[in-house]
C-alpha atoms as a PDB file:
ATOM      1  CA  UNK A   1      18.262  14.994  -0.508  1.00  0.00           C
ATOM      2  CA  UNK A   2      17.647  16.650  -4.098  1.00  0.00           C
ATOM      3  CA  UNK A   3      15.947  20.054  -4.165  1.00  0.00           C
ATOM      4  CA  UNK A   4      13.014  19.089  -4.951  1.00  0.00           C
ATOM      5  CA  UNK A   5      12.788  16.419  -2.785  1.00  0.00           C
ATOM      6  CA  UNK A   6      13.687  18.906   0.158  1.00  0.00           C
ATOM      7  CA  UNK A   7      10.804  20.540  -1.187  1.00  0.00           C
ATOM      8  CA  UNK A   8       8.751  17.662  -0.709  1.00  0.00           C
ATOM      9  CA  UNK A   9       9.244  16.615   2.655  1.00  0.00           C
ATOM     10  CA  UNK A  10       8.673  20.149   3.816  1.00  0.00           C
ATOM     11  CA  UNK A  11       4.919  20.036   2.037  1.00  0.00           C
ATOM     12  CA  UNK A  12       4.360  16.954   3.710  1.00  0.00           C
ATOM     13  CA  UNK A  13       6.139  18.148   7.203  1.00  0.00           C
ATOM     14  CA  UNK A  14       4.122  21.315   7.171  1.00  0.00           C
ATOM     15  CA  UNK A  15       0.774  19.683   5.731  1.00  0.00           C
ATOM     16  CA  UNK A  16       0.659  16.669   8.151  1.00  0.00           C
ATOM     17  CA  UNK A  17       1.194  19.396  11.298  1.00  0.00           C
ATOM     18  CA  UNK A  18      -1.248  22.070   9.718  1.00  0.00           C
ATOM     19  CA  UNK A  19      -5.042  22.464  11.101  1.00  0.00           C
ATOM     20  CA  UNK A  20      -7.752  21.654   9.766  1.00  0.00           C
ATOM     21  CA  UNK A  21      -9.047  24.949   9.081  1.00  0.00           C
ATOM     22  CA  UNK A  22      -5.336  26.832   7.131  1.00  0.00           C
ATOM     23  CA  UNK A  23      -6.080  28.540   4.949  1.00  0.00           C
ATOM     24  CA  UNK A  24      -3.852  28.268   1.533  1.00  0.00           C
ATOM     25  CA  UNK A  25      -3.979  26.188  -2.075  1.00  0.00           C
ATOM     26  CA  UNK A  26      -6.304  23.769  -3.007  1.00  0.00           C
ATOM     27  CA  UNK A  27      -4.553  22.087  -5.769  1.00  0.00           C
ATOM     28  CA  UNK A  28      -0.926  21.857  -5.228  1.00  0.00           C
ATOM     29  CA  UNK A  29       1.809  20.524  -7.952  1.00  0.00           C
ATOM     30  CA  UNK A  30       4.975  18.396  -6.899  1.00  0.00           C
ATOM     31  CA  UNK A  31       7.476  17.947  -9.867  1.00  0.00           C
ATOM     32  CA  UNK A  32       8.550  14.184  -9.943  1.00  0.00           C
ATOM     33  CA  UNK A  33      11.999  13.634 -11.624  1.00  0.00           C
ATOM     34  CA  UNK A  34      10.174  10.472 -13.266  1.00  0.00           C
ATOM     35  CA  UNK A  35       7.825   7.392 -13.010  1.00  0.00           C
ATOM     36  CA  UNK A  36       8.129   5.321  -9.619  1.00  0.00           C
ATOM     37  CA  UNK A  37       9.431   1.900  -9.421  1.00  0.00           C
ATOM     38  CA  UNK A  38       5.869   1.473  -7.316  1.00  0.00           C
ATOM     39  CA  UNK A  39       3.921   3.416  -5.318  1.00  0.00           C
ATOM     40  CA  UNK A  40       3.704   0.994  -2.335  1.00  0.00           C
ATOM     41  CA  UNK A  41       6.195   2.022   0.227  1.00  0.00           C
ATOM     42  CA  UNK A  42       7.056  -1.500   1.371  1.00  0.00           C
ATOM     43  CA  UNK A  43       8.675  -1.889  -2.640  1.00  0.00           C
ATOM     44  CA  UNK A  44      10.269   1.508  -2.860  1.00  0.00           C
ATOM     45  CA  UNK A  45      14.015   1.426  -3.537  1.00  0.00           C
ATOM     46  CA  UNK A  46      14.287   4.684  -5.025  1.00  0.00           C
ATOM     47  CA  UNK A  47      13.651   8.612  -3.542  1.00  0.00           C
ATOM     48  CA  UNK A  48      11.253   8.781  -6.340  1.00  0.00           C
ATOM     49  CA  UNK A  49       8.809   5.765  -5.198  1.00  0.00           C
ATOM     50  CA  UNK A  50       9.247   7.027  -1.208  1.00  0.00           C
ATOM     51  CA  UNK A  51       7.881  10.386  -2.231  1.00  0.00           C
ATOM     52  CA  UNK A  52       5.224   8.735  -4.279  1.00  0.00           C
ATOM     53  CA  UNK A  53       4.101   6.789  -1.472  1.00  0.00           C
ATOM     54  CA  UNK A  54       4.850   8.975   1.661  1.00  0.00           C
ATOM     55  CA  UNK A  55       1.388  10.982   1.311  1.00  0.00           C
ATOM     56  CA  UNK A  56      -0.707   7.948   1.875  1.00  0.00           C
ATOM     57  CA  UNK A  57       1.253   6.018   4.911  1.00  0.00           C
ATOM     58  CA  UNK A  58       2.343   6.313   7.860  1.00  0.00           C
ATOM     59  CA  UNK A  59       4.791   4.550  10.599  1.00  0.00           C
ATOM     60  CA  UNK A  60       4.756   3.526  14.216  1.00  0.00           C
ATOM     61  CA  UNK A  61       7.626   6.066  14.828  1.00  0.00           C
ATOM     62  CA  UNK A  62       8.305   9.512  12.963  1.00  0.00           C
ATOM     63  CA  UNK A  63      11.406  11.728  12.749  1.00  0.00           C
ATOM     64  CA  UNK A  64      11.034  14.829  14.594  1.00  0.00           C
ATOM     65  CA  UNK A  65      10.671  17.981  11.629  1.00  0.00           C
ATOM     66  CA  UNK A  66      14.401  18.823  10.898  1.00  0.00           C
ATOM     67  CA  UNK A  67      15.737  16.164  13.328  1.00  0.00           C
ATOM     68  CA  UNK A  68      16.460  13.073  13.533  1.00  0.00           C
ATOM     69  CA  UNK A  69      14.491  13.051  16.681  1.00  0.00           C
ATOM     70  CA  UNK A  70      11.923  10.322  17.192  1.00  0.00           C
ATOM     71  CA  UNK A  71       8.410  11.237  18.134  1.00  0.00           C
ATOM     72  CA  UNK A  72       5.054   9.091  18.077  1.00  0.00           C
ATOM     73  CA  UNK A  73       2.948   8.734  15.241  1.00  0.00           C
ATOM     74  CA  UNK A  74       0.632   5.454  15.137  1.00  0.00           C
ATOM     75  CA  UNK A  75       2.325   4.319  17.857  1.00  0.00           C
ATOM     76  CA  UNK A  76       1.747   6.948  21.193  1.00  0.00           C
ATOM     77  CA  UNK A  77       4.387   5.006  23.081  1.00  0.00           C
ATOM     78  CA  UNK A  78       6.452   2.205  23.896  1.00  0.00           C
ATOM     79  CA  UNK A  79       8.920   0.345  26.370  1.00  0.00           C
ATOM     80  CA  UNK A  80      11.899  -1.069  25.970  1.00  0.00           C
ATOM     81  CA  UNK A  81      13.008  -4.121  28.414  1.00  0.00           C
ATOM     82  CA  UNK A  82      15.926  -3.855  30.070  1.00  0.00           C
ATOM     83  CA  UNK A  83      18.192  -6.015  28.523  1.00  0.00           C
ATOM     84  CA  UNK A  84      17.086  -4.170  25.200  1.00  0.00           C
ATOM     85  CA  UNK A  85      15.455  -6.694  23.465  1.00  0.00           C
ATOM     86  CA  UNK A  86      11.683  -6.159  23.695  1.00  0.00           C
ATOM     87  CA  UNK A  87       9.549  -3.312  22.319  1.00  0.00           C
ATOM     88  CA  UNK A  88       6.275  -2.513  23.022  1.00  0.00           C
ATOM     89  CA  UNK A  89       3.880  -0.446  21.253  1.00  0.00           C
ATOM     90  CA  UNK A  90       0.887   1.157  22.109  1.00  0.00           C
ATOM     91  CA  UNK A  91      -1.685   1.907  19.248  1.00  0.00           C
ATOM     92  CA  UNK A  92      -3.259   5.629  18.693  1.00  0.00           C
ATOM     93  CA  UNK A  93      -6.880   4.901  18.783  1.00  0.00           C
ATOM     94  CA  UNK A  94      -9.707   5.654  16.049  1.00  0.00           C
ATOM     95  CA  UNK A  95      -6.929   6.292  13.289  1.00  0.00           C
ATOM     96  CA  UNK A  96      -8.961   5.526   9.895  1.00  0.00           C
ATOM     97  CA  UNK A  97      -7.963   3.793   6.877  1.00  0.00           C
ATOM     98  CA  UNK A  98      -8.367   4.669   3.721  1.00  0.00           C
ATOM     99  CA  UNK A  99     -10.823   3.555   0.982  1.00  0.00           C
ATOM    100  CA  UNK A 100     -11.231   3.555  -2.377  1.00  0.00           C
ATOM    101  CA  UNK A 101     -14.316   2.200  -4.655  1.00  0.00           C
ATOM    102  CA  UNK A 102     -13.889  -1.840  -4.017  1.00  0.00           C
ATOM    103  CA  UNK A 103     -12.819  -1.122  -0.212  1.00  0.00           C
ATOM    104  CA  UNK A 104     -14.106   0.055   2.581  1.00  0.00           C
ATOM    105  CA  UNK A 105     -12.367  -0.116   6.433  1.00  0.00           C
ATOM    106  CA  UNK A 106     -14.985  -1.605   8.750  1.00  0.00           C
ATOM    107  CA  UNK A 107     -12.721  -0.919  11.766  1.00  0.00           C
ATOM    108  CA  UNK A 108      -9.681   1.431  13.093  1.00  0.00           C
ATOM    109  CA  UNK A 109      -5.838   0.582  12.750  1.00  0.00           C
ATOM    110  CA  UNK A 110      -5.455  -2.243  15.314  1.00  0.00           C
ATOM    111  CA  UNK A 111      -2.384  -3.978  16.511  1.00  0.00           C
ATOM    112  CA  UNK A 112      -2.912  -7.168  13.761  1.00  0.00           C
ATOM    113  CA  UNK A 113      -2.410  -3.723  10.783  1.00  0.00           C
ATOM    114  CA  UNK A 114       1.344  -3.551  12.175  1.00  0.00           C
ATOM    115  CA  UNK A 115       1.927  -7.637  12.596  1.00  0.00           C
ATOM    116  CA  UNK A 116       0.532  -8.011   8.901  1.00  0.00           C
ATOM    117  CA  UNK A 117       2.455  -4.982   8.112  1.00  0.00           C
ATOM    118  CA  UNK A 118       6.136  -6.299   9.307  1.00  0.00           C
ATOM    119  CA  UNK A 119       4.943 -10.201   9.240  1.00  0.00           C
ATOM    120  CA  UNK A 120       4.503  -9.768   5.005  1.00  0.00           C
ATOM    121  CA  UNK A 121       8.464  -8.687   4.955  1.00  0.00           C
ATOM    122  CA  UNK A 122       9.309 -11.454   7.067  1.00  0.00           C
ATOM    123  CA  UNK A 123       8.254 -14.285   6.720  1.00  0.00           C
ATOM    124  CA  UNK A 124       9.084 -16.016   3.555  1.00  0.00           C
ATOM    125  CA  UNK A 125       5.708 -18.284   4.205  1.00  0.00           C
ATOM    126  CA  UNK A 126       3.244 -15.320   4.245  1.00  0.00           C
ATOM    127  CA  UNK A 127       0.953 -14.774   1.698  1.00  0.00           C
ATOM    128  CA  UNK A 128       1.501 -11.758   0.547  1.00  0.00           C
ATOM    129  CA  UNK A 129       5.269 -12.188   0.390  1.00  0.00           C
ATOM    130  CA  UNK A 130       5.833 -12.652  -2.786  1.00  0.00           C
ATOM    131  CA  UNK A 131       3.086 -10.583  -4.512  1.00  0.00           C
ATOM    132  CA  UNK A 132       3.736  -7.734  -7.078  1.00  0.00           C
ATOM    133  CA  UNK A 133       7.409  -9.597  -7.106  1.00  0.00           C
ATOM    134  CA  UNK A 134       8.159  -7.600  -3.890  1.00  0.00           C
ATOM    135  CA  UNK A 135      12.004  -7.970  -3.034  1.00  0.00           C
ATOM    136  CA  UNK A 136      11.877  -5.862   0.285  1.00  0.00           C
ATOM    137  CA  UNK A 137      15.311  -4.402  -0.221  1.00  0.00           C
ATOM    138  CA  UNK A 138      15.369  -1.734   2.393  1.00  0.00           C
ATOM    139  CA  UNK A 139      13.831  -4.560   5.095  1.00  0.00           C
ATOM    140  CA  UNK A 140      16.837  -7.161   3.646  1.00  0.00           C
ATOM    141  CA  UNK A 141      19.906  -4.344   3.784  1.00  0.00           C
ATOM    142  CA  UNK A 142      18.657  -2.862   7.200  1.00  0.00           C
ATOM    143  CA  UNK A 143      19.003  -6.508   8.825  1.00  0.00           C
ATOM    144  CA  UNK A 144      15.450  -7.178  10.123  1.00  0.00           C
ATOM    145  CA  UNK A 145      15.140 -11.013   8.746  1.00  0.00           C
ATOM    146  CA  UNK A 146      18.380 -11.561  11.117  1.00  0.00           C
ATOM    147  CA  UNK A 147      17.452  -8.681  13.880  1.00  0.00           C
ATOM    148  CA  UNK A 148      13.212  -9.636  14.472  1.00  0.00           C
ATOM    149  CA  UNK A 149      13.072 -13.020  16.746  1.00  0.00           C
ATOM    150  CA  UNK A 150       8.517 -12.394  17.007  1.00  0.00           C
ATOM    151  CA  UNK A 151       6.027  -9.864  16.575  1.00  0.00           C
ATOM    152  CA  UNK A 152       3.100 -10.151  18.558  1.00  0.00           C
ATOM    153  CA  UNK A 153      -0.466  -8.583  19.431  1.00  0.00           C
ATOM    154  CA  UNK A 154      -1.386  -9.041  23.137  1.00  0.00           C
ATOM    155  CA  UNK A 155      -4.423  -6.988  22.039  1.00  0.00           C
ATOM    156  CA  UNK A 156      -5.645  -4.883  19.728  1.00  0.00           C
ATOM    157  CA  UNK A 157      -3.886  -1.826  21.475  1.00  0.00           C
ATOM    158  CA  UNK A 158      -0.428  -2.826  21.354  1.00  0.00           C
ATOM    159  CA  UNK A 159       2.451  -4.648  19.524  1.00  0.00           C
ATOM    160  CA  UNK A 160       5.536  -6.155  20.654  1.00  0.00           C
ATOM    161  CA  UNK A 161       8.106  -6.243  18.818  1.00  0.00           C
ATOM    162  CA  UNK A 162      11.432  -8.735  20.443  1.00  0.00           C
ATOM    163  CA  UNK A 163      15.056  -8.352  18.678  1.00  0.00           C
ATOM    164  CA  UNK A 164      17.669 -11.584  18.968  1.00  0.00           C
ATOM    165  CA  UNK A 165      19.919  -8.574  19.718  1.00  0.00           C
ATOM    166  CA  UNK A 166      19.979  -5.176  21.028  1.00  0.00           C
ATOM    167  CA  UNK A 167      19.914  -2.794  17.783  1.00  0.00           C
ATOM    168  CA  UNK A 168      20.411   1.090  19.550  1.00  0.00           C
ATOM    169  CA  UNK A 169      18.559   2.500  15.673  1.00  0.00           C
ATOM    170  CA  UNK A 170      16.051   0.068  15.821  1.00  0.00           C
ATOM    171  CA  UNK A 171      13.613   2.951  16.617  1.00  0.00           C
ATOM    172  CA  UNK A 172      14.789   5.279  13.715  1.00  0.00           C
ATOM    173  CA  UNK A 173      14.492   2.395  11.103  1.00  0.00           C
ATOM    174  CA  UNK A 174      10.551   2.028  12.319  1.00  0.00           C
ATOM    175  CA  UNK A 175      10.633   5.539  11.250  1.00  0.00           C
ATOM    176  CA  UNK A 176      11.316   4.982   7.418  1.00  0.00           C
ATOM    177  CA  UNK A 177       8.722   4.406   4.528  1.00  0.00           C
ATOM    178  CA  UNK A 178       9.654   0.929   4.156  1.00  0.00           C
ATOM    179  CA  UNK A 179       8.048   0.517   7.731  1.00  0.00           C
ATOM    180  CA  UNK A 180       4.554   2.393   6.929  1.00  0.00           C
ATOM    181  CA  UNK A 181       1.534   0.343   7.824  1.00  0.00           C
ATOM    182  CA  UNK A 182      -0.479  -1.606   5.812  1.00  0.00           C
ATOM    183  CA  UNK A 183      -4.404  -2.752   6.198  1.00  0.00           C
ATOM    184  CA  UNK A 184      -4.642  -6.676   7.023  1.00  0.00           C
ATOM    185  CA  UNK A 185      -8.190  -5.809   6.489  1.00  0.00           C
ATOM    186  CA  UNK A 186      -7.596  -4.498   2.677  1.00  0.00           C
ATOM    187  CA  UNK A 187      -5.914  -7.480   2.489  1.00  0.00           C
ATOM    188  CA  UNK A 188      -8.213 -10.120   3.701  1.00  0.00           C
ATOM    189  CA  UNK A 189     -10.617  -8.651   1.212  1.00  0.00           C
ATOM    190  CA  UNK A 190      -8.075  -8.727  -1.949  1.00  0.00           C
ATOM    191  CA  UNK A 191      -7.033 -12.507  -0.982  1.00  0.00           C
ATOM    192  CA  UNK A 192     -10.771 -13.482  -1.467  1.00  0.00           C
ATOM    193  CA  UNK A 193     -11.371 -11.294  -4.638  1.00  0.00           C
ATOM    194  CA  UNK A 194      -7.963 -13.145  -6.303  1.00  0.00           C
ATOM    195  CA  UNK A 195      -6.668  -9.593  -6.596  1.00  0.00           C
ATOM    196  CA  UNK A 196      -3.712  -9.521  -4.007  1.00  0.00           C
ATOM    197  CA  UNK A 197      -1.507  -7.042  -6.238  1.00  0.00           C
ATOM    198  CA  UNK A 198      -3.424  -4.628  -5.990  1.00  0.00           C
ATOM    199  CA  UNK A 199      -2.359  -3.841  -2.222  1.00  0.00           C
ATOM    200  CA  UNK A 200       0.440  -2.362  -3.854  1.00  0.00           C
ATOM    201  CA  UNK A 201      -1.016  -0.982  -7.047  1.00  0.00           C
ATOM    202  CA  UNK A 202      -4.044   0.498  -5.400  1.00  0.00           C
ATOM    203  CA  UNK A 203      -2.672   1.411  -1.993  1.00  0.00           C
ATOM    204  CA  UNK A 204      -4.745   1.756   1.542  1.00  0.00           C
ATOM    205  CA  UNK A 205      -3.278   3.789   4.577  1.00  0.00           C
ATOM    206  CA  UNK A 206      -3.806   5.651   6.997  1.00  0.00           C
ATOM    207  CA  UNK A 207      -2.220   8.991   5.564  1.00  0.00           C
ATOM    208  CA  UNK A 208      -2.817  12.775   5.055  1.00  0.00           C
ATOM    209  CA  UNK A 209      -3.891  12.073   1.212  1.00  0.00           C
ATOM    210  CA  UNK A 210      -5.741   9.093  -0.344  1.00  0.00           C
ATOM    211  CA  UNK A 211      -4.755   7.444  -3.570  1.00  0.00           C
ATOM    212  CA  UNK A 212      -6.699   8.727  -6.789  1.00  0.00           C
ATOM    213  CA  UNK A 213      -4.576   7.319  -9.732  1.00  0.00           C
ATOM    214  CA  UNK A 214      -1.630   6.483 -11.257  1.00  0.00           C
ATOM    215  CA  UNK A 215      -1.075   7.025 -15.032  1.00  0.00           C
ATOM    216  CA  UNK A 216       2.896   6.337 -16.061  1.00  0.00           C
ATOM    217  CA  UNK A 217       4.775   9.056 -17.657  1.00  0.00           C
ATOM    218  CA  UNK A 218       2.330  11.483 -16.438  1.00  0.00           C
ATOM    219  CA  UNK A 219       0.971  12.277 -13.353  1.00  0.00           C
ATOM    220  CA  UNK A 220      -0.109  10.594  -9.540  1.00  0.00           C
ATOM    221  CA  UNK A 221      -3.269  12.126  -7.987  1.00  0.00           C
ATOM    222  CA  UNK A 222      -3.793  12.298  -4.258  1.00  0.00           C
ATOM    223  CA  UNK A 223      -7.069  13.954  -2.751  1.00  0.00           C
ATOM    224  CA  UNK A 224      -7.242  14.708   1.465  1.00  0.00           C
ATOM    225  CA  UNK A 225      -8.023  11.954   3.843  1.00  0.00           C
ATOM    226  CA  UNK A 226     -11.014  13.785   5.588  1.00  0.00           C
ATOM    227  CA  UNK A 227     -10.732  10.959   8.303  1.00  0.00           C
ATOM    228  CA  UNK A 228      -7.007  11.823   8.974  1.00  0.00           C
ATOM    229  CA  UNK A 229      -6.154  11.077  12.444  1.00  0.00           C
ATOM    230  CA  UNK A 230      -4.159  14.955  12.171  1.00  0.00           C
ATOM    231  CA  UNK A 231      -7.231  16.388  11.476  1.00  0.00           C
ATOM    232  CA  UNK A 232      -8.299  17.287   7.298  1.00  0.00           C
ATOM    233  CA  UNK A 233      -4.986  18.871   5.152  1.00  0.00           C
ATOM    234  CA  UNK A 234      -5.756  22.416   3.955  1.00  0.00           C
ATOM    235  CA  UNK A 235      -5.338  21.150   0.322  1.00  0.00           C
ATOM    236  CA  UNK A 236      -7.696  19.510  -1.275  1.00  0.00           C
ATOM    237  CA  UNK A 237      -5.652  17.724  -4.447  1.00  0.00           C
ATOM    238  CA  UNK A 238      -1.895  16.526  -4.212  1.00  0.00           C
ATOM    239  CA  UNK A 239      -0.454  15.571  -7.727  1.00  0.00           C
ATOM    240  CA  UNK A 240       2.863  14.610  -8.553  1.00  0.00           C
ATOM    241  CA  UNK A 241       3.537  15.790 -11.923  1.00  0.00           C
ATOM    242  CA  UNK A 242       6.129  13.444 -13.779  1.00  0.00           C
ATOM    243  CA  UNK A 243       8.514  15.826 -15.677  1.00  0.00           C
ATOM    244  CA  UNK A 244      11.781  13.798 -16.522  1.00  0.00           C
ATOM    245  CA  UNK A 245      14.546  16.513 -16.950  1.00  0.00           C
ATOM    246  CA  UNK A 246      15.932  14.175 -19.313  1.00  0.00           C
ATOM    247  CA  UNK A 247      13.565  15.102 -21.929  1.00  0.00           C
ATOM    248  CA  UNK A 248      14.326  17.187 -24.497  1.00  0.00           C
ATOM    249  CA  UNK A 249      12.693  20.517 -24.208  1.00  0.00           C
ATOM    250  CA  UNK A 250      10.244  18.944 -21.219  1.00  0.00           C
ATOM    251  CA  UNK A 251       8.505  21.931 -19.587  1.00  0.00           C
ATOM    252  CA  UNK A 252       9.468  22.048 -15.783  1.00  0.00           C
ATOM    253  CA  UNK A 253       6.420  20.902 -14.725  1.00  0.00           C
ATOM    254  CA  UNK A 254       2.612  19.706 -15.586  1.00  0.00           C
ATOM    255  CA  UNK A 255      -0.385  22.168 -15.063  1.00  0.00           C
ATOM    256  CA  UNK A 256      -2.496  21.175 -11.662  1.00  0.00           C
ATOM    257  CA  UNK A 257      -4.813  19.294 -14.309  1.00  0.00           C
ATOM    258  CA  UNK A 258      -2.748  17.054 -16.274  1.00  0.00           C
ATOM    259  CA  UNK A 259      -4.527  13.213 -16.509  1.00  0.00           C
END
C-alpha cells in the first residue's frame, strides 16, 4: 500500500468512527495519483479506483481498523450452517441511500439490494451485467462464479448466500470493495429512464459521502451524507485532487477549490 493510500485509509477509518459532533476541517483534499478507471467499486481494478469509490459505499461486513478481524457493517450479524455452506446475514435497519438530482430513494436498505449487487456480477443474464462494459475482474478472480450456489432474500431484512463448498476466506472477501452494496431501486429507475450506465458514472450508495462530480484529470468531489447510518461525518467536503506524479513541474496537490 502506498503512503498516499495509507493516508486515505486512515482518514476514512477515522471519519467512519467519528461522532457527528467531532470538530475538524470542513474540507479534506486527498492527492490522487491519477484518474480512476471507474468510480464504481464493482468495476475498479486499481487501488486508485478503489480509493475513489470507498467513500460512497459500504459492504455487509468490514475489517476492524488496523486488523484483519471482521466486524459488522451493513449486516449486524450472521450465522453459518454446520456444513459451512449457508451464510445468513441480518441487515441493519434504517440504512439510507444517497440521492441525486435525478433520483430520490423511497426506502432504506433491503435484502433485494444485496441480491442485486451480487447477482449483477454473478449472472450473465442480469440486466446490468454487461452495462458499462463490465468485467467484474475481482469477482471473477476471487472464484465467486463457481463458489456461489444461490443468493436468496427470505425477507426484507435477511439475505442467505449458499456456497458450493466451504470457503474459509468468504467473509473476508465480502469486506472487499467489489462487494459493495448498490441500490436496486436506483437501478430500476435508470432502466426505466434508459440510462443504465449512470449506475456506475453517478453512483448511489450508503457510505459517509455522496458523489458530487468527477472531472477527469482534475478532481472528484464528494459531500458529507447527512443521513449516514453512523452519523454525519466531521468534514463537509471531500476532494480527490488528481495530480499525476509524472507530470513535469506539477504541484504536490491542487487546492481544495479545484473544479
